[in-house]
Protein backbone atom coordinates (compact mmCIF):
# COMPACT_ATOMS: atom_id res chain seq x y z
CA MET A 1 7.30 -321.29 -32.80
CA GLY A 2 7.57 -317.80 -31.37
CA ARG A 3 7.50 -316.42 -27.86
CA SER A 4 5.47 -313.81 -26.07
CA TYR A 5 6.92 -311.43 -23.47
CA HIS A 6 4.93 -309.29 -21.05
CA LEU A 7 5.90 -305.62 -20.69
CA SER A 8 6.28 -304.37 -17.12
CA LYS A 9 4.57 -301.06 -17.95
CA LYS A 10 2.68 -299.29 -20.73
CA ILE A 11 4.77 -297.59 -23.37
CA ALA A 12 3.90 -294.81 -25.81
CA GLU A 13 3.17 -295.57 -29.45
CA ASN A 14 6.24 -293.66 -30.63
CA GLN A 15 8.41 -295.71 -28.26
CA ALA A 16 6.82 -298.93 -29.53
CA ALA A 17 7.44 -297.96 -33.16
CA GLU A 18 11.09 -297.17 -32.49
CA ILE A 19 11.60 -300.42 -30.55
CA LEU A 20 10.01 -302.53 -33.30
CA ARG A 21 12.09 -300.79 -35.96
CA GLU A 22 15.27 -301.76 -34.11
CA ILE A 23 14.25 -305.31 -33.20
CA ASN A 24 12.91 -306.13 -36.68
CA GLY A 25 16.26 -304.93 -38.01
CA PHE A 26 18.09 -307.80 -36.28
CA SER A 27 19.34 -310.28 -38.85
CA ASP A 28 18.18 -313.22 -36.69
CA ILE A 29 14.54 -312.08 -36.33
CA LYS A 30 11.70 -313.38 -38.49
CA GLN A 31 9.19 -310.95 -37.01
CA ALA A 32 8.34 -308.96 -33.92
CA ALA A 33 5.09 -307.18 -33.07
CA PHE A 34 3.11 -305.89 -30.14
CA THR A 35 -0.31 -307.28 -29.28
CA SER A 36 -3.26 -304.92 -29.82
CA GLY A 37 -3.16 -303.77 -26.19
CA MET A 38 0.59 -303.16 -26.45
CA ASP A 39 1.15 -305.15 -23.27
CA TYR A 40 2.94 -308.10 -24.91
CA LEU A 41 5.75 -308.37 -27.44
CA GLU A 42 5.46 -311.40 -29.71
CA ILE A 43 8.72 -312.32 -31.32
CA GLU A 44 9.91 -315.08 -33.63
CA ALA A 45 13.59 -315.72 -34.20
CA LYS A 46 15.04 -317.41 -37.28
CA GLY A 47 16.91 -319.90 -35.10
CA GLN A 48 16.36 -321.14 -31.58
CA ASP A 49 18.83 -318.82 -29.85
CA TYR A 50 16.33 -316.59 -28.08
CA SER A 51 18.77 -315.72 -25.31
CA GLU A 52 20.93 -313.65 -27.67
CA VAL A 53 17.94 -312.00 -29.34
CA MET A 54 16.22 -311.18 -26.06
CA SER A 55 19.39 -309.89 -24.46
CA ARG A 56 19.52 -307.22 -27.16
CA ALA A 57 15.75 -306.62 -26.96
CA VAL A 58 15.89 -306.10 -23.18
CA ASN A 59 18.62 -303.49 -23.62
CA ILE A 60 16.57 -301.67 -26.25
CA PHE A 61 13.50 -301.63 -23.99
CA SER A 62 15.55 -300.35 -21.09
CA LYS A 63 16.90 -297.44 -23.15
CA LYS A 64 13.94 -296.55 -25.38
CA ALA A 65 11.06 -297.22 -22.95
CA ASN A 66 12.37 -295.72 -19.73
CA GLY A 67 13.36 -298.96 -18.01
CA CYS A 68 10.47 -301.12 -19.20
CA GLU A 69 11.26 -304.77 -18.46
CA LEU A 70 10.20 -307.94 -20.27
CA SER A 71 9.21 -311.28 -18.79
CA PHE A 72 8.52 -314.51 -20.66
CA ALA A 73 4.78 -315.21 -20.84
CA ARG A 74 4.19 -318.12 -23.24
CA PHE A 75 5.01 -319.80 -26.52
CA VAL A 76 2.99 -318.58 -29.51
């Protein structure tokens, strides 16, 4: 089961592509993708340690998307 995280603001497509490239490169990620409206990130980890995965993802969003923040929305 994966998780969905709401983005605090809209990001550009080039920012989204760069973020996904980095996150999908994590060894503990099965998959990560944005919803069609690019307002949610859906992510599935290989294990259940989402705190480690999301800690890194939050840092990437902060750097690559001008301070965009993530908040847990739901299980997917």
